[in-house]
Amino acid sequence: MFNGTNILITGGTGSFGKKYTKILLERFKPNKIIIYSRDELKQYEMSQVYNDPCMRYFIGDVRDKDRLKKALYGVHYVIHAAALKHVPIAEYNPMECIKTNIMGAQNVIDGALEEGIKKVIALSTDKAANPINLYGATKLASDKLFVAANNIKGARRTQFSVVRYGNVVGSRGSVVPFFKKLIKEGAKELPITDKRMTRFWITLRDGVEFVLKNFERMQGGEIFIPKIPSMHIVDLANTIAPNLPIKIIGIRPGEKLHEVMVPRDDSHLTLEFDDHFVIEPTIQFTSRVNFETNALGESGKRVEVGFEYSSEKNDKWLNKDELLEMIESV
């Protein structure tokens, strides 16, 4: 579906944007892939690797609506990946996080509607479900904005959906490269926040594949959530460095013991498909969509009231061999 089209990725120099670009170039023949981000060094470095004639690099910030609108001209599909994501930094700089994650989201929505974009998928996070930190709260607000955008588009063709998933193995700022860095520097122990901590775990490629598939599935207004495994953070540390002891350092500001991707309070809106869940919008004004069957003809069924999809209660867990395989795939 991306052959001959123009695709814009906000925050495109991040881990997700680079992997998404790689797969687009391998699998499709787009007319343009536009990388929109504010860091000139990262854009320069990325352009040395991804220098196909279809590549375009735009310096710009999602906070800057006018610049964003120029970048959106003639675009068919948008992946909104730009965000401030570091939990403690967001707690310390709340307004900056709000400007990027909420106001920036609204700028993407307004620009997409004004430019007649066909489909927009915004990347979310497990931290947006039942948020306890500012980052999660801003991403929840962003999710709500993108879902509600389908109610204000009127006769315009633009569809907006959200993809929510958990921690990405090896992404920038994730725990795997952090642990590897400590080991390389000769650390005598690995810091663990809490022995009980669990997390959802997904590879970058699987995350990209999920987003690609949801461009085909989407009808507008869904929050897509993949079925992915959980892991114990202690198991991760023991897998990466089996001979190093761990040191309990306590939970960081705004951090949870376990992550949730489908909150119990959204169970009445949740549909289960073979490999993913869908949370329906709470309100549909402009047109009624039957989300039980998606645009690919896949059928889902409603979950039981009170259902919750959490990393602690997941029915799929990674063992050490599977963890090692995922780590080595990075």
Protein backbone atom coordinates (compact mmCIF):
# COMPACT_ATOMS: atom_id res chain seq x y z
CA MET A 1 0.00 0.00 0.00
CA PHE A 2 3.02 2.32 0.29
CA ASN A 3 4.25 2.01 -3.29
CA GLY A 4 4.31 5.41 -4.99
CA THR A 5 3.16 7.22 -1.84
CA ASN A 6 4.63 9.93 0.37
CA ILE A 7 5.20 8.98 4.02
CA LEU A 8 6.19 11.31 6.84
CA ILE A 9 7.66 10.10 10.14
CA THR A 10 7.80 12.61 12.99
CA GLY A 11 10.71 11.92 15.29
CA GLY A 12 12.02 9.83 12.43
CA THR A 13 15.65 9.76 13.58
CA GLY A 14 14.77 7.67 16.62
CA SER A 15 15.08 3.90 16.89
CA PHE A 16 11.59 3.29 15.56
CA GLY A 17 11.89 5.75 12.68
CA LYS A 18 15.14 4.24 11.44
CA LYS A 19 13.84 0.68 11.56
CA TYR A 20 10.55 1.72 9.92
CA THR A 21 12.50 3.46 7.15
CA LYS A 22 14.69 0.39 6.64
CA ILE A 23 11.68 -1.90 6.22
CA LEU A 24 9.85 0.54 3.95
CA LEU A 25 12.88 0.70 1.65
CA GLU A 26 13.28 -3.09 1.67
CA ARG A 27 9.65 -3.92 1.00
CA PHE A 28 8.10 -1.01 -0.92
CA LYS A 29 8.92 1.65 -3.47
CA PRO A 30 7.62 4.87 -1.91
CA ASN A 31 7.80 8.13 -3.77
CA LYS A 32 9.08 9.97 -0.66
CA ILE A 33 9.97 9.12 2.91
CA ILE A 34 10.15 12.35 4.88
CA ILE A 35 12.06 12.30 8.16
CA TYR A 36 10.83 15.16 10.32
CA SER A 37 12.83 15.89 13.48
CA ARG A 38 14.67 18.67 15.23
CA ASP A 39 18.18 17.22 15.67
CA GLU A 40 20.47 18.07 12.74
CA LEU A 41 23.25 15.72 13.87
CA LYS A 42 20.91 12.71 14.02
CA GLN A 43 19.50 13.64 10.63
CA TYR A 44 22.99 13.89 9.16
CA GLU A 45 24.00 10.53 10.63
CA MET A 46 20.82 8.87 9.41
CA SER A 47 21.24 10.33 5.92
CA GLN A 48 24.64 8.63 5.64
CA VAL A 49 22.92 5.25 5.99
CA TYR A 50 19.53 5.89 4.41
CA ASN A 51 20.36 7.87 1.28
CA ASP A 52 17.90 6.40 -1.21
CA PRO A 53 16.67 9.01 -3.75
CA CYS A 54 13.24 8.92 -2.12
CA MET A 55 14.59 10.11 1.24
CA ARG A 56 13.88 13.65 2.44
CA TYR A 57 15.17 15.16 5.69
CA PHE A 58 13.24 18.07 7.22
CA ILE A 59 14.51 19.94 10.28
CA GLY A 60 11.49 20.86 12.34
CA ASP A 61 9.68 20.49 15.65
CA VAL A 62 6.15 19.17 16.12
CA ARG A 63 5.64 22.22 18.33
CA ASP A 64 6.02 24.39 15.19
CA LYS A 65 2.71 24.04 13.36
CA ASP A 66 3.68 26.17 10.36
CA ARG A 67 6.86 24.20 9.67
CA LEU A 68 5.03 20.93 10.22
CA LYS A 69 2.32 21.93 7.75
CA LYS A 70 4.93 22.59 5.08
CA ALA A 71 6.42 19.14 5.65
CA LEU A 72 2.96 17.54 5.38
CA TYR A 73 2.22 18.97 1.95
CA GLY A 74 1.46 16.15 -0.49
CA VAL A 75 1.86 13.42 2.17
CA HIS A 76 -0.41 10.35 2.19
CA TYR A 77 0.57 8.57 5.43
CA VAL A 78 1.95 9.84 8.74
CA ILE A 79 3.59 7.94 11.59
CA HIS A 80 3.74 10.17 14.64
CA ALA A 81 6.69 8.94 16.71
CA ALA A 82 8.01 12.25 18.08
CA ALA A 83 7.79 12.53 21.87
CA LEU A 84 9.67 13.35 25.03
CA LYS A 85 9.86 9.91 26.64
CA HIS A 86 12.22 9.89 29.62
CA VAL A 87 10.08 9.45 32.73
CA PRO A 88 12.24 11.24 35.39
CA ILE A 89 13.16 14.06 32.98
CA ALA A 90 9.47 14.60 32.22
CA GLU A 91 8.75 14.78 35.97
CA TYR A 92 11.41 17.49 36.28
CA ASN A 93 10.42 19.39 33.11
CA PRO A 94 6.64 18.90 32.95
CA MET A 95 5.70 21.80 30.69
CA GLU A 96 8.26 20.84 28.06
CA CYS A 97 6.79 17.34 27.96
CA ILE A 98 3.28 18.79 27.64
CA LYS A 99 4.33 21.08 24.78
CA THR A 100 5.78 18.23 22.73
CA ASN A 101 3.53 15.31 23.62
CA ILE A 102 0.15 17.08 23.79
CA MET A 103 0.43 20.33 21.85
CA GLY A 104 2.65 18.65 19.28
CA ALA A 105 0.04 15.91 18.87
CA GLN A 106 -2.66 18.50 18.21
CA ASN A 107 -0.43 20.18 15.63
CA VAL A 108 -0.04 16.85 13.81
CA ILE A 109 -3.83 16.40 13.85
CA ASP A 110 -4.53 19.93 12.60
CA GLY A 111 -1.89 19.68 9.89
CA ALA A 112 -3.15 16.27 8.75
CA LEU A 113 -6.71 17.55 8.45
CA GLU A 114 -5.66 20.72 6.63
CA GLU A 115 -3.46 18.83 4.17
CA GLY A 116 -5.87 15.96 3.55
CA ILE A 117 -3.60 13.18 4.80
CA LYS A 118 -5.09 9.73 4.19
CA LYS A 119 -4.08 7.88 7.36
CA VAL A 120 -2.25 8.79 10.58
CA ILE A 121 -0.98 6.37 13.22
CA ALA A 122 0.33 7.78 16.49
CA LEU A 123 2.69 5.70 18.63
CA SER A 124 1.70 5.35 22.26
CA THR A 125 3.09 3.52 25.27
CA ASP A 126 1.97 1.16 28.02
CA LYS A 127 2.60 4.08 30.38
CA ALA A 128 -0.48 5.82 28.91
CA ALA A 129 -2.75 3.21 30.53
CA ASN A 130 -3.62 4.13 34.13
CA PRO A 131 -0.74 6.66 34.15
CA ILE A 132 1.05 7.56 37.36
CA ASN A 133 3.76 9.74 35.77
CA LEU A 134 3.63 12.88 33.66
CA TYR A 135 4.97 11.16 30.56
CA GLY A 136 2.19 8.58 30.70
CA ALA A 137 -0.41 11.28 31.35
CA THR A 138 0.71 13.28 28.33
CA LYS A 139 0.62 10.18 26.13
CA LEU A 140 -2.87 9.35 27.39
CA ALA A 141 -3.93 12.89 26.45
CA SER A 142 -2.27 12.43 23.05
CA ASP A 143 -4.12 9.12 22.53
CA LYS A 144 -7.42 10.80 23.35
CA LEU A 145 -6.68 13.63 20.91
CA PHE A 146 -5.93 11.25 18.03
CA VAL A 147 -8.98 9.09 18.71
CA ALA A 148 -11.27 12.13 19.01
CA ALA A 149 -9.84 13.64 15.81
CA ASN A 150 -12.00 11.17 13.88
CA ASN A 151 -15.06 13.03 15.24
CA ILE A 152 -13.97 16.46 13.99
CA LYS A 153 -12.84 15.58 10.47
CA GLY A 154 -16.30 16.01 8.95
CA ALA A 155 -16.33 14.94 5.31
CA ARG A 156 -12.53 14.85 5.11
CA ARG A 157 -10.95 11.48 4.38
CA THR A 158 -8.31 11.46 7.11
CA GLN A 159 -8.32 8.54 9.54
CA PHE A 160 -6.50 8.58 12.87
CA SER A 161 -5.55 5.56 14.99
CA VAL A 162 -3.14 4.76 17.83
CA VAL A 163 -0.70 1.89 18.38
CA ARG A 164 0.21 1.16 22.00
CA TYR A 165 2.94 -1.30 22.97
CA GLY A 166 5.51 -1.99 25.67
CA ASN A 167 9.26 -1.69 26.12
CA VAL A 168 11.32 -2.12 22.97
CA VAL A 169 14.40 -4.33 23.16
CA GLY A 170 17.51 -2.28 22.45
CA SER A 171 15.79 1.03 21.71
CA ARG A 172 17.56 4.23 22.67
CA GLY A 173 17.33 4.69 26.45
CA SER A 174 16.12 1.14 27.13
CA VAL A 175 17.59 -1.10 29.82
CA VAL A 176 19.47 -3.52 27.52
CA PRO A 177 22.01 -1.01 26.14
CA PHE A 178 22.25 0.51 29.63
CA PHE A 179 23.19 -2.86 31.16
CA LYS A 180 25.62 -3.60 28.32
CA LYS A 181 27.30 -0.24 28.85
CA LEU A 182 27.76 -0.94 32.56
CA ILE A 183 29.22 -4.38 31.81
CA LYS A 184 31.62 -2.91 29.24
CA GLU A 185 32.76 -0.35 31.81
CA GLY A 186 33.56 -3.12 34.27
CA ALA A 187 30.60 -2.83 36.63
CA LYS A 188 30.70 -5.17 39.62
CA GLU A 189 26.89 -5.31 39.92
CA LEU A 190 23.77 -4.40 37.95
CA PRO A 191 21.22 -1.96 39.41
CA ILE A 192 17.63 -3.25 39.67
CA THR A 193 14.79 -1.05 40.84
CA ASP A 194 12.69 -3.86 42.34
CA LYS A 195 12.88 -7.68 42.17
CA ARG A 196 9.14 -7.92 41.56
CA MET A 197 9.17 -5.63 38.50
CA THR A 198 7.74 -6.94 35.23
CA ARG A 199 7.55 -5.40 31.77
CA PHE A 200 6.02 -6.10 28.38
CA TRP A 201 8.76 -6.81 25.83
CA ILE A 202 8.79 -6.39 22.05
CA THR A 203 11.49 -6.22 19.39
CA LEU A 204 11.83 -3.14 17.23
CA ARG A 205 11.07 -5.15 14.11
CA ASP A 206 7.90 -6.60 15.62
CA GLY A 207 6.80 -3.10 16.62
CA VAL A 208 7.34 -1.82 13.08
CA GLU A 209 5.57 -4.83 11.55
CA PHE A 210 2.61 -4.23 13.86
CA VAL A 211 2.33 -0.59 12.79
CA LEU A 212 2.61 -1.53 9.11
CA LYS A 213 -0.21 -4.07 9.44
CA ASN A 214 -2.43 -1.63 11.30
CA PHE A 215 -2.31 0.85 8.42
CA GLU A 216 -4.20 -1.86 6.53
CA ARG A 217 -6.49 -2.79 9.43
CA MET A 218 -7.47 0.67 10.64
CA GLN A 219 -10.85 2.31 10.18
CA GLY A 220 -10.14 5.30 12.41
CA GLY A 221 -10.46 5.66 16.17
CA GLU A 222 -8.93 2.37 17.32
CA ILE A 223 -6.16 1.88 19.83
CA PHE A 224 -4.24 -1.21 18.65
CA ILE A 225 -2.38 -3.28 21.25
CA PRO A 226 -0.24 -6.30 20.29
CA LYS A 227 -0.19 -9.52 22.26
CA ILE A 228 3.40 -9.63 23.43
CA PRO A 229 5.30 -11.49 26.16
CA SER A 230 6.24 -10.27 29.62
CA MET A 231 9.55 -10.62 31.39
CA HIS A 232 10.90 -10.20 34.91
CA ILE A 233 13.55 -7.48 35.07
CA VAL A 234 15.62 -9.76 37.33
CA ASP A 235 15.61 -12.47 34.64
CA LEU A 236 16.84 -9.91 32.13
CA ALA A 237 19.78 -8.92 34.36
CA ASN A 238 20.67 -12.56 35.02
CA THR A 239 20.51 -13.36 31.31
CA ILE A 240 22.75 -10.47 30.26
CA ALA A 241 25.27 -10.96 33.06
CA PRO A 242 24.73 -14.29 34.85
CA ASN A 243 27.87 -13.87 36.97
CA LEU A 244 27.16 -10.36 38.24
CA PRO A 245 25.18 -9.74 41.42
CA ILE A 246 22.26 -7.31 41.39
CA LYS A 247 21.77 -4.27 43.58
CA ILE A 248 18.28 -3.09 44.50
CA ILE A 249 18.14 0.70 44.09
CA GLY A 250 14.40 1.38 44.45
CA ILE A 251 11.77 2.53 41.99
CA ARG A 252 12.53 5.75 40.13
CA PRO A 253 10.17 8.77 40.25
CA GLY A 254 6.99 8.00 38.33
CA GLU A 255 7.85 4.33 37.75
CA LYS A 256 5.47 1.37 38.15
CA LEU A 257 6.12 -2.18 39.34
CA HIS A 258 4.02 -3.57 36.48
CA GLU A 259 2.71 -2.12 33.23
CA VAL A 260 -0.83 -2.19 31.84
CA MET A 261 -1.84 -1.90 28.19
CA VAL A 262 -5.59 -2.58 28.48
CA PRO A 263 -6.96 -1.07 31.72
CA ARG A 264 -9.81 -2.87 33.49
CA ASP A 265 -11.96 0.24 33.10
CA ASP A 266 -11.68 -0.06 29.30
CA SER A 267 -12.71 -3.73 29.20
CA HIS A 268 -16.23 -2.86 27.96
CA LEU A 269 -14.61 -1.21 24.91
CA THR A 270 -12.03 -3.93 24.20
CA LEU A 271 -12.04 -6.51 21.42
CA GLU A 272 -9.67 -9.47 21.21
CA PHE A 273 -8.26 -10.58 17.86
CA ASP A 274 -5.84 -13.44 17.14
CA ASP A 275 -2.66 -11.45 17.76
CA HIS A 276 -3.84 -8.14 19.18
CA PHE A 277 -6.47 -6.20 21.10
CA VAL A 278 -8.43 -3.15 19.99
CA ILE A 279 -9.87 -0.50 22.30
CA GLU A 280 -12.84 1.20 20.65
CA PRO A 281 -13.39 4.96 20.99
CA THR A 282 -15.71 5.98 23.81
CA ILE A 283 -17.64 8.35 21.52
CA GLN A 284 -18.41 8.16 17.80
CA PHE A 285 -20.10 11.26 16.39
CA THR A 286 -19.56 11.38 12.65
CA SER A 287 -20.10 7.74 11.65
CA ARG A 288 -20.71 4.47 13.42
CA VAL A 289 -17.96 1.92 12.82
CA ASN A 290 -18.26 -1.77 13.60
CA PHE A 291 -14.81 -2.46 15.05
CA GLU A 292 -15.56 -6.16 15.52
CA THR A 293 -14.48 -6.62 11.89
CA ASN A 294 -11.51 -4.57 10.69
CA ALA A 295 -10.62 -3.31 7.20
CA LEU A 296 -8.79 -6.59 6.46
CA GLY A 297 -11.87 -8.62 7.33
CA GLU A 298 -10.37 -9.99 10.57
CA SER A 299 -12.95 -10.63 13.29
CA GLY A 300 -12.62 -9.98 17.00
CA LYS A 301 -14.70 -10.79 20.03
CA ARG A 302 -15.45 -8.78 23.13
CA VAL A 303 -13.45 -9.51 26.26
CA GLU A 304 -15.13 -10.13 29.57
CA VAL A 305 -16.02 -7.10 31.67
CA GLY A 306 -13.22 -6.56 34.16
CA PHE A 307 -10.52 -7.92 31.83
CA GLU A 308 -7.08 -6.32 32.22
CA TYR A 309 -4.00 -6.86 30.07
CA SER A 310 -1.02 -6.30 32.36
CA SER A 311 2.60 -7.41 32.37
CA GLU A 312 2.07 -9.07 35.76
CA LYS A 313 -0.97 -11.16 34.69
CA ASN A 314 0.14 -11.97 31.15
CA ASP A 315 -0.23 -15.58 30.01
CA LYS A 316 2.98 -15.46 27.95
CA TRP A 317 6.40 -15.10 29.61
CA LEU A 318 9.89 -15.05 28.18
CA ASN A 319 12.29 -17.65 29.50
CA LYS A 320 16.03 -16.98 29.60
CA ASP A 321 16.70 -18.57 26.21
CA GLU A 322 14.00 -16.43 24.57
CA LEU A 323 15.32 -13.33 26.33
CA LEU A 324 18.82 -14.07 25.11
CA GLU A 325 17.59 -14.58 21.56
CA MET A 326 15.77 -11.23 21.60
CA ILE A 327 18.78 -9.44 23.05
CA GLU A 328 21.14 -10.93 20.48
CA SER A 329 18.77 -9.91 17.66
CA VAL A 330 19.35 -6.22 18.42
